Amino acid sequence: MKQFSLNLEALSPLTIRSDHAAGGAGSAAYISGTALAGSLATVYRLYYPDNDTQFEQLFLSGEVQYPDLYPAMFNTEAMQEANDFPVYPLPKTAQSCKRFPGFSEAQGEKIEDEEEDNNHGVRDSLLDWAAFKLAEDAYKKSQMIDIATLLMPLQAHKKCPVDGCGKPMDHIAGFYRRDPYNGQMAKANDETRLQTHTGINRDTGTVQEGILYNRQVFVEHTRFWGMVKLPEHLATSFENFINEVGRTGLVRIGTGRTRGMGKVSLSVTLLQDEQDRFDLFKERLLKFDDKLKTLVPQTFRPNKNDLGRKDFYFTLTLHSPVILRDAMLRYYGSIDTHILEDLLNIPHNNFSRVYQAASTRRVSGWNELWGLPRVNEYAIDTGSVFLFASSLTKDQEDKLLRALFTLEEEGIGRRKAEGFGRVCVSDPFHLEVTLP
């Protein structure tokens, strides 16, 4: 598989409807892979009306995985111009001060007005919840743990400790970029405004009296980032197509395109393949497992026989919505041990789910080629986190790591070609993001 960094810049106001239901008028916080693929397919048909074979490979075969494009507007010039650095959604376990939310200057966020109070930083609460859940299991087994010790992991960061702030800690949503060289992070800005429109009388074609509405739009020159995954034999064709049409102004995305909205510019950069990718993946998972096992004894004193030193802990963090259905076509609202066994195709590893922070959302859309609305589906939302434990023998460990590596590389669930199903195993965010 080849990977391309895709950068998009809005040349005119841009808006994506989050729900195409009759009463839905909300705007999405990002550009969906469905919208991106549909817009590119429309332009491809205009440029190459007779190249049916190539069109099928790029847009109908499912071989090309078009991503969700997340906002990439940052306060620091270094982050703003780092077009090859990924932009990820904040997991649902991320938290920040409710009064001064956001990454702090020590974490890489530049404060434009030095006279204002700085952001108090972002931290991840997954290890707190993991320690609490493991301690709770020990408590249920009648081990000698008092309630105060049981709640210690969660009480420690109930209020913001920075500079004696004392305000409550709360969940923080959005998107962030991380510099892989120095570890600095910054949260993407919401470059939006309200754009006012008048209603049109369908009989006369003139302004309808009494109808005035607002639409939230991304402002001009807002940038977005995503990663395209595709087979090597399609890489050259895809790159040539984007280079040919990306700056012509013909690509338009979202709603209101007949009113001059949605005009965008596109560019792609081939990302270099990392050497020893599996070894780096394995190192990341073992680091998370070791960190959790080190944390638990500091939180309570369990029976060593029950600590499960042979248990292997890992997380699944969703970087895009995931659509999963059972054999009866019913949608899943979370990932449990049975679903995980099916995804990994490893039926006898005694998985257990330790903790989850997840929600669901309805997925709707419009089929540009057919001119019809898509069937509504339900997905596990972006940023959902699932912590699992698996009892392993030495022989089983490598097999599980290989299966998890394949799961992260290929994605899970339905409609992966439209940006769904992207997952990160043992995301470093859960270990590295702490308050300064």
Protein backbone atom coordinates (compact mmCIF):
# COMPACT_ATOMS: atom_id res chain seq x y z
CA MET A 1 0.00 0.00 0.00
CA LYS A 2 1.11 3.53 -0.82
CA GLN A 3 0.18 6.54 1.30
CA PHE A 4 -0.33 10.10 0.12
CA SER A 5 -0.63 13.22 2.25
CA LEU A 6 -3.58 15.13 0.76
CA ASN A 7 -3.86 18.85 1.51
CA LEU A 8 -7.00 20.82 0.63
CA GLU A 9 -7.51 24.58 0.75
CA ALA A 10 -10.93 26.22 0.51
CA LEU A 11 -10.89 28.94 -2.18
CA SER A 12 -14.46 29.98 -1.36
CA PRO A 13 -16.75 29.43 1.66
CA LEU A 14 -17.31 25.71 2.20
CA THR A 15 -19.91 23.79 4.17
CA ILE A 16 -20.74 20.12 4.59
CA ARG A 17 -24.18 19.16 5.88
CA SER A 18 -23.88 16.79 8.81
CA ASP A 19 -27.34 15.30 8.23
CA HIS A 20 -29.36 15.11 5.02
CA ALA A 21 -32.62 14.38 6.83
CA ALA A 22 -35.50 16.75 6.11
CA GLY A 23 -35.03 18.60 9.39
CA GLY A 24 -31.24 18.44 9.46
CA ALA A 25 -29.36 21.69 8.92
CA GLY A 26 -26.20 21.26 10.98
CA SER A 27 -22.74 21.59 9.46
CA ALA A 28 -20.03 18.95 9.84
CA ALA A 29 -16.74 19.87 11.52
CA TYR A 30 -14.69 18.23 8.74
CA ILE A 31 -14.92 17.08 5.10
CA SER A 32 -16.05 13.48 4.93
CA GLY A 33 -14.33 10.93 2.73
CA THR A 34 -17.68 10.34 1.04
CA ALA A 35 -17.90 14.00 -0.03
CA LEU A 36 -14.27 14.02 -1.19
CA ALA A 37 -14.58 10.83 -3.26
CA GLY A 38 -17.87 11.98 -4.84
CA SER A 39 -16.44 15.35 -5.87
CA LEU A 40 -13.30 13.81 -7.37
CA ALA A 41 -15.37 11.22 -9.23
CA THR A 42 -17.50 13.97 -10.80
CA VAL A 43 -14.43 15.85 -12.05
CA TYR A 44 -12.81 12.64 -13.29
CA ARG A 45 -15.86 11.92 -15.45
CA LEU A 46 -15.57 15.39 -16.99
CA TYR A 47 -11.86 15.00 -17.73
CA TYR A 48 -11.83 11.38 -18.85
CA PRO A 49 -15.38 10.46 -20.01
CA ASP A 50 -14.20 7.35 -21.87
CA ASN A 51 -11.75 5.92 -19.34
CA ASP A 52 -14.19 3.57 -17.63
CA THR A 53 -11.58 1.06 -16.48
CA GLN A 54 -9.49 3.63 -14.62
CA PHE A 55 -12.61 5.24 -13.16
CA GLU A 56 -13.76 1.91 -11.78
CA GLN A 57 -10.36 1.24 -10.19
CA LEU A 58 -10.15 4.67 -8.53
CA PHE A 59 -13.74 5.13 -7.39
CA LEU A 60 -15.77 1.91 -7.52
CA SER A 61 -13.42 -0.96 -6.69
CA GLY A 62 -12.79 0.07 -3.08
CA GLU A 63 -9.04 -0.23 -3.59
CA VAL A 64 -8.47 3.50 -2.96
CA GLN A 65 -9.27 4.58 0.61
CA TYR A 66 -10.26 8.26 0.54
CA PRO A 67 -9.91 9.87 3.98
CA ASP A 68 -11.93 12.24 6.09
CA LEU A 69 -10.21 15.61 5.80
CA TYR A 70 -9.70 17.30 9.16
CA PRO A 71 -9.12 21.06 9.69
CA ALA A 72 -5.41 21.98 9.64
CA MET A 73 -5.35 25.61 10.81
CA PHE A 74 -2.88 26.26 13.64
CA ASN A 75 -1.51 29.23 15.56
CA THR A 76 2.17 28.42 15.02
CA GLU A 77 3.75 28.80 11.60
CA ALA A 78 5.72 25.59 12.06
CA MET A 79 2.56 23.56 12.60
CA GLN A 80 0.67 25.40 9.88
CA GLU A 81 3.28 24.66 7.21
CA ALA A 82 3.99 21.07 8.29
CA ASN A 83 1.79 19.62 5.56
CA ASP A 84 3.13 16.08 5.98
CA PHE A 85 2.39 15.87 9.71
CA PRO A 86 -0.88 13.98 10.33
CA VAL A 87 -3.97 15.59 11.82
CA TYR A 88 -5.92 13.31 14.16
CA PRO A 89 -9.16 13.63 16.14
CA LEU A 90 -8.83 13.99 19.89
CA PRO A 91 -9.91 10.76 21.62
CA LYS A 92 -12.89 10.77 23.94
CA THR A 93 -10.55 10.22 26.88
CA ALA A 94 -8.83 13.59 26.32
CA GLN A 95 -9.60 16.21 28.94
CA SER A 96 -8.63 19.81 29.67
CA CYS A 97 -9.43 22.62 32.07
CA LYS A 98 -13.03 23.74 31.59
CA ARG A 99 -12.05 27.40 32.07
CA PHE A 100 -8.82 27.45 30.01
CA PRO A 101 -9.07 24.50 27.59
CA GLY A 102 -6.47 23.62 24.98
CA PHE A 103 -2.83 22.58 24.64
CA SER A 104 -0.50 24.71 26.72
CA GLU A 105 2.52 26.61 25.45
CA ALA A 106 4.75 23.92 26.94
CA GLN A 107 2.94 21.34 24.79
CA GLY A 108 3.53 23.37 21.64
CA GLU A 109 0.53 25.75 21.46
CA LYS A 110 1.57 29.35 20.85
CA ILE A 111 -0.31 32.01 22.78
CA GLU A 112 -0.83 35.05 20.57
CA ASP A 113 -1.68 37.49 23.38
CA GLU A 114 0.77 37.12 26.23
CA GLU A 115 -1.44 39.23 28.51
CA GLU A 116 -4.23 36.66 28.37
CA ASP A 117 -4.27 33.54 30.52
CA ASN A 118 -2.53 30.64 28.83
CA ASN A 119 -4.31 27.40 28.07
CA HIS A 120 -3.84 24.97 30.92
CA GLY A 121 -3.00 22.00 28.74
CA VAL A 122 -4.53 18.72 27.62
CA ARG A 123 -4.12 15.31 29.22
CA ASP A 124 -5.44 11.82 28.57
CA SER A 125 -7.51 10.03 31.22
CA LEU A 126 -7.38 6.48 29.83
CA LEU A 127 -4.74 5.25 32.27
CA ASP A 128 -6.77 6.70 35.17
CA TRP A 129 -9.84 4.80 34.09
CA ALA A 130 -7.82 1.64 33.44
CA ALA A 131 -6.35 1.75 36.94
CA PHE A 132 -9.82 2.36 38.40
CA LYS A 133 -11.40 -0.53 36.49
CA LEU A 134 -8.61 -2.95 37.43
CA ALA A 135 -8.80 -1.84 41.05
CA GLU A 136 -12.58 -2.25 40.94
CA ASP A 137 -12.16 -5.84 39.76
CA ALA A 138 -9.81 -6.48 42.65
CA TYR A 139 -12.30 -4.84 45.05
CA LYS A 140 -15.05 -7.17 43.84
CA LYS A 141 -12.79 -10.10 44.63
CA SER A 142 -12.76 -8.94 48.29
CA GLN A 143 -9.18 -7.77 48.30
CA MET A 144 -8.18 -5.29 50.97
CA ILE A 145 -8.80 -2.03 49.10
CA ASP A 146 -10.68 0.85 50.64
CA ILE A 147 -12.98 3.15 48.67
CA ALA A 148 -10.60 6.11 48.86
CA THR A 149 -7.83 4.10 47.23
CA LEU A 150 -10.26 2.77 44.64
CA LEU A 151 -11.23 6.29 43.57
CA MET A 152 -7.71 7.69 43.76
CA PRO A 153 -6.97 7.56 39.99
CA LEU A 154 -10.09 9.55 39.13
CA GLN A 155 -9.96 12.00 42.03
CA ALA A 156 -6.39 13.03 41.19
CA HIS A 157 -7.46 14.97 38.11
CA LYS A 158 -11.00 15.91 38.96
CA LYS A 159 -9.95 19.57 39.12
CA CYS A 160 -7.32 21.44 37.14
CA PRO A 161 -4.03 21.44 39.08
CA VAL A 162 -2.24 24.05 36.94
CA ASP A 163 -1.26 27.19 38.90
CA GLY A 164 -3.83 26.37 41.58
CA CYS A 165 -6.68 26.83 39.08
CA GLY A 166 -9.10 24.40 40.72
CA LYS A 167 -11.64 24.53 37.88
CA PRO A 168 -13.26 21.24 36.79
CA MET A 169 -11.56 19.13 34.14
CA ASP A 170 -13.80 18.41 31.16
CA HIS A 171 -13.76 16.48 27.89
CA ILE A 172 -12.17 18.36 25.00
CA ALA A 173 -13.10 17.64 21.38
CA GLY A 174 -11.55 18.66 18.09
CA PHE A 175 -8.47 17.82 16.06
CA TYR A 176 -4.75 18.08 16.75
CA ARG A 177 -1.40 17.85 14.98
CA ARG A 178 1.71 16.38 16.58
CA ASP A 179 5.30 17.00 15.55
CA PRO A 180 6.87 13.51 15.49
CA TYR A 181 10.37 14.91 16.05
CA ASN A 182 9.94 17.01 19.19
CA GLY A 183 6.54 15.77 20.39
CA GLN A 184 4.92 19.21 20.43
CA MET A 185 1.16 19.34 19.75
CA ALA A 186 -1.39 21.95 18.77
CA LYS A 187 -5.16 21.94 18.45
CA ALA A 188 -6.70 22.91 15.12
CA ASN A 189 -8.68 26.15 15.04
CA ASP A 190 -12.32 26.39 13.95
CA GLU A 191 -12.14 28.86 11.07
CA THR A 192 -15.91 29.28 10.54
CA ARG A 193 -18.49 32.03 10.22
CA LEU A 194 -22.22 32.39 9.67
CA GLN A 195 -23.31 33.20 6.12
CA THR A 196 -26.80 34.62 5.65
CA HIS A 197 -29.05 33.56 2.76
CA THR A 198 -32.54 34.45 1.57
CA GLY A 199 -35.13 31.89 0.56
CA ILE A 200 -36.19 31.67 -3.11
CA ASN A 201 -39.77 31.34 -4.26
CA ARG A 202 -39.86 28.33 -6.57
CA ASP A 203 -42.72 29.70 -8.66
CA THR A 204 -41.35 33.16 -9.35
CA GLY A 205 -37.61 32.56 -8.91
CA THR A 206 -37.35 35.66 -6.75
CA VAL A 207 -36.69 36.26 -3.06
CA GLN A 208 -39.38 34.80 -0.84
CA GLU A 209 -40.55 37.33 1.72
CA GLY A 210 -40.05 36.31 5.32
CA ILE A 211 -37.45 33.57 4.68
CA LEU A 212 -33.96 34.35 5.97
CA TYR A 213 -31.53 31.72 7.25
CA ASN A 214 -27.92 31.33 8.32
CA ARG A 215 -25.47 28.63 7.33
CA GLN A 216 -22.20 27.90 9.10
CA VAL A 217 -19.32 27.82 6.62
CA PHE A 218 -15.55 27.34 6.67
CA VAL A 219 -13.96 30.61 5.69
CA GLU A 220 -11.82 31.08 2.59
CA HIS A 221 -8.28 29.63 2.76
CA THR A 222 -9.15 27.14 5.49
CA ARG A 223 -6.88 24.13 5.12
CA PHE A 224 -7.64 20.44 5.62
CA TRP A 225 -5.48 17.33 5.81
CA GLY A 226 -6.02 13.62 5.19
CA MET A 227 -4.11 10.46 4.24
CA VAL A 228 -5.04 8.52 1.09
CA LYS A 229 -4.22 4.80 1.04
CA LEU A 230 -4.11 2.90 -2.27
CA PRO A 231 -2.34 0.01 -4.02
CA GLU A 232 1.01 0.68 -5.64
CA HIS A 233 -0.29 0.07 -9.19
CA LEU A 234 -2.78 2.96 -8.82
CA ALA A 235 -0.41 5.44 -7.16
CA THR A 236 0.88 7.06 -10.36
CA SER A 237 -2.57 7.41 -11.92
CA PHE A 238 -4.00 8.97 -8.76
CA GLU A 239 -1.11 11.38 -8.31
CA ASN A 240 -1.26 12.51 -11.95
CA PHE A 241 -5.01 13.08 -11.72
CA ILE A 242 -4.76 15.25 -8.59
CA ASN A 243 -1.84 17.23 -10.02
CA GLU A 244 -3.85 17.87 -13.19
CA VAL A 245 -7.16 18.97 -11.67
CA GLY A 246 -6.19 20.01 -8.13
CA ARG A 247 -5.51 23.66 -8.91
CA THR A 248 -7.95 24.21 -11.77
CA GLY A 249 -10.81 25.24 -9.49
CA LEU A 250 -13.09 22.60 -11.00
CA VAL A 251 -13.24 20.53 -7.82
CA ARG A 252 -16.12 21.68 -5.63
CA ILE A 253 -17.17 20.06 -2.39
CA GLY A 254 -20.19 20.39 -0.13
CA THR A 255 -23.47 22.23 -0.50
CA GLY A 256 -24.23 25.59 -2.13
CA ARG A 257 -21.98 24.91 -5.12
CA THR A 258 -24.40 26.69 -7.47
CA ARG A 259 -24.00 29.78 -5.26
CA GLY A 260 -20.21 29.88 -5.63
CA MET A 261 -19.42 27.84 -2.53
CA GLY A 262 -17.20 24.79 -2.16
CA LYS A 263 -14.39 25.72 -4.57
CA VAL A 264 -11.18 24.03 -3.40
CA SER A 265 -7.55 23.47 -4.32
CA LEU A 266 -5.88 20.07 -3.84
CA SER A 267 -2.32 18.79 -3.67
CA VAL A 268 -0.79 15.45 -2.74
CA THR A 269 2.62 14.33 -1.50
CA LEU A 270 3.83 10.75 -1.49
CA LEU A 271 4.79 9.70 2.03
CA GLN A 272 7.95 7.68 2.41
CA ASP A 273 7.48 4.13 3.62
CA GLU A 274 8.88 3.63 7.09
CA GLN A 275 11.45 0.89 7.44
CA ASP A 276 10.60 -1.93 9.83
CA ARG A 277 7.02 -0.72 10.25
CA PHE A 278 5.98 -3.83 12.13
CA ASP A 279 8.90 -3.50 14.56
CA LEU A 280 7.90 0.12 15.32
CA PHE A 281 4.28 -1.00 15.74
CA LYS A 282 5.30 -3.78 18.13
CA GLU A 283 7.46 -1.38 20.15
CA ARG A 284 4.50 1.01 20.53
CA LEU A 285 2.18 -1.73 21.80
CA LEU A 286 4.71 -3.15 24.24
CA LYS A 287 5.39 0.34 25.59
CA PHE A 288 1.69 0.88 26.31
CA ASP A 289 1.37 -2.55 27.94
CA ASP A 290 4.41 -1.96 30.16
CA LYS A 291 3.22 1.51 31.17
CA LEU A 292 -0.18 0.24 32.28
CA LYS A 293 1.27 -2.64 34.24
CA THR A 294 3.67 -0.24 35.95
CA LEU A 295 0.88 2.15 36.85
CA VAL A 296 -1.46 -0.38 38.46
CA PRO A 297 0.75 -1.40 41.42
CA GLN A 298 1.21 2.31 42.21
CA THR A 299 -2.55 2.69 42.50
CA PHE A 300 -3.39 -0.28 44.74
CA ARG A 301 -1.83 -3.38 46.18
CA PRO A 302 -3.33 -6.34 44.39
CA ASN A 303 -2.63 -9.98 44.85
CA LYS A 304 0.26 -10.75 42.53
CA ASN A 305 -1.52 -13.82 41.25
CA ASP A 306 -4.44 -11.65 40.14
CA LEU A 307 -2.43 -8.86 38.55
CA GLY A 308 -2.24 -10.77 35.31
CA ARG A 309 1.37 -10.13 34.40
CA LYS A 310 0.78 -12.45 31.46
CA ASP A 311 -2.14 -10.37 30.32
CA PHE A 312 -1.45 -8.13 27.35
CA TYR A 313 -3.21 -4.74 27.31
CA PHE A 314 -3.93 -2.72 24.18
CA THR A 315 -6.41 -0.12 22.97
CA LEU A 316 -8.38 0.52 19.80
CA THR A 317 -8.77 4.27 19.20
CA LEU A 318 -11.02 5.22 16.28
CA HIS A 319 -9.60 7.90 13.96
CA SER A 320 -12.80 7.91 11.91
CA PRO A 321 -16.35 6.54 12.32
CA VAL A 322 -16.62 2.74 12.11
CA ILE A 323 -19.64 0.95 10.63
CA LEU A 324 -20.01 -2.62 11.91
CA ARG A 325 -22.96 -4.97 11.37
CA ASP A 326 -23.76 -8.49 12.47
CA ALA A 327 -25.06 -11.36 10.35
CA MET A 328 -28.61 -10.01 10.75
CA LEU A 329 -27.49 -6.58 9.41
CA ARG A 330 -27.95 -4.95 12.83
CA TYR A 331 -25.51 -2.16 13.65
CA TYR A 332 -23.06 -2.43 16.53
CA GLY A 333 -22.76 0.46 18.97
CA SER A 334 -19.45 -0.63 20.49
CA ILE A 335 -16.67 -3.20 20.06
CA ASP A 336 -16.86 -6.10 22.47
CA THR A 337 -14.72 -9.21 22.78
CA HIS A 338 -16.75 -11.26 20.27
CA ILE A 339 -16.50 -8.53 17.64
CA LEU A 340 -12.78 -8.21 18.30
CA GLU A 341 -12.28 -11.93 17.84
CA ASP A 342 -14.07 -11.76 14.49
CA LEU A 343 -12.02 -8.76 13.37
CA LEU A 344 -8.72 -10.38 14.30
CA ASN A 345 -9.76 -13.87 13.27
CA ILE A 346 -8.22 -15.19 16.51
CA PRO A 347 -11.03 -17.03 18.31
CA HIS A 348 -9.33 -18.42 21.42
CA ASN A 349 -7.32 -15.69 23.12
CA ASN A 350 -9.60 -15.06 26.08
CA PHE A 351 -10.12 -11.36 25.38
CA SER A 352 -11.73 -9.14 27.99
CA ARG A 353 -12.80 -5.52 27.61
CA VAL A 354 -11.49 -3.46 30.51
CA TYR A 355 -12.92 -0.04 29.62
CA GLN A 356 -14.60 1.88 26.83
CA ALA A 357 -15.42 5.52 26.07
CA ALA A 358 -17.66 5.43 23.02
CA SER A 359 -20.72 6.91 21.37
CA THR A 360 -22.66 6.36 18.15
CA ARG A 361 -23.86 8.63 15.37
CA ARG A 362 -26.08 8.45 12.32
CA VAL A 363 -24.31 8.49 8.95
CA SER A 364 -26.12 10.02 6.00
CA GLY A 365 -24.99 11.38 2.66
CA TRP A 366 -25.65 12.03 -0.98
CA ASN A 367 -24.62 9.89 -3.94
CA GLU A 368 -23.24 12.40 -6.47
CA LEU A 369 -23.15 9.94 -9.38
CA TRP A 370 -26.71 8.69 -8.94
CA GLY A 371 -28.20 11.95 -7.70
CA LEU A 372 -29.89 10.16 -4.79
CA PRO A 373 -29.57 10.22 -0.99
CA ARG A 374 -27.62 7.39 0.61
CA VAL A 375 -29.20 4.93 3.00
CA ASN A 376 -28.82 6.11 6.60
CA GLU A 377 -26.42 3.97 8.61
CA TYR A 378 -25.16 4.01 12.19
CA ALA A 379 -21.52 4.13 13.18
CA ILE A 380 -19.34 4.10 16.29
CA ASP A 381 -18.17 7.69 16.47
CA THR A 382 -14.72 9.14 15.86
CA GLY A 383 -12.48 9.25 18.94
CA SER A 384 -14.09 6.26 20.67
CA VAL A 385 -11.61 4.27 22.78
CA PHE A 386 -11.70 0.58 23.76
CA LEU A 387 -9.21 -0.98 26.19
CA PHE A 388 -8.77 -4.76 25.99
CA ALA A 389 -6.78 -7.38 27.84
CA SER A 390 -5.79 -10.74 26.41
CA SER A 391 -4.27 -13.70 28.22
CA LEU A 392 -1.42 -14.86 26.02
CA THR A 393 1.14 -17.56 25.83
CA LYS A 394 4.51 -16.64 24.34
CA ASP A 395 3.58 -18.38 21.08
CA GLN A 396 0.30 -16.48 20.79
CA GLU A 397 1.77 -13.02 21.38
CA ASP A 398 3.38 -12.60 17.96
CA LYS A 399 0.26 -13.87 16.21
CA LEU A 400 -1.88 -11.29 18.02
CA LEU A 401 0.56 -8.47 17.21
CA ARG A 402 0.53 -9.43 13.54
CA ALA A 403 -3.26 -9.48 13.50
CA LEU A 404 -3.47 -6.08 15.19
CA PHE A 405 -0.94 -4.66 12.72
CA THR A 406 -3.06 -5.85 9.79
CA LEU A 407 -6.18 -4.40 11.43
CA GLU A 408 -4.56 -0.96 11.74
CA GLU A 409 -3.16 -1.03 8.21
CA GLU A 410 -6.35 -2.14 6.45
CA GLY A 411 -9.05 -0.67 8.69
CA ILE A 412 -12.26 -2.30 9.88
CA GLY A 413 -15.94 -2.34 9.02
CA ARG A 414 -17.84 -1.10 5.99
CA ARG A 415 -17.17 1.72 3.51
CA LYS A 416 -13.43 1.91 4.17
CA ALA A 417 -12.99 3.48 0.73
CA GLU A 418 -14.95 6.52 2.00
CA GLY A 419 -12.83 7.20 5.06
CA PHE A 420 -14.63 4.93 7.53
CA GLY A 421 -12.95 2.29 9.68
CA ARG A 422 -9.60 3.89 10.46
CA VAL A 423 -8.25 2.70 13.79
CA CYS A 424 -5.05 3.18 15.79
CA VAL A 425 -3.87 0.42 18.13
CA SER A 426 -2.42 1.66 21.44
CA ASP A 427 -2.39 5.26 20.29
CA PRO A 428 0.70 7.07 21.75
CA PHE A 429 -1.63 9.94 22.70
CA HIS A 430 -2.80 7.91 25.71
CA LEU A 431 0.73 7.81 27.14
CA GLU A 432 2.36 11.01 25.98
CA VAL A 433 -0.27 13.67 26.63
CA THR A 434 0.00 14.88 30.21
CA LEU A 435 -0.27 18.23 31.90
CA PRO A 436 3.03 20.15 32.05
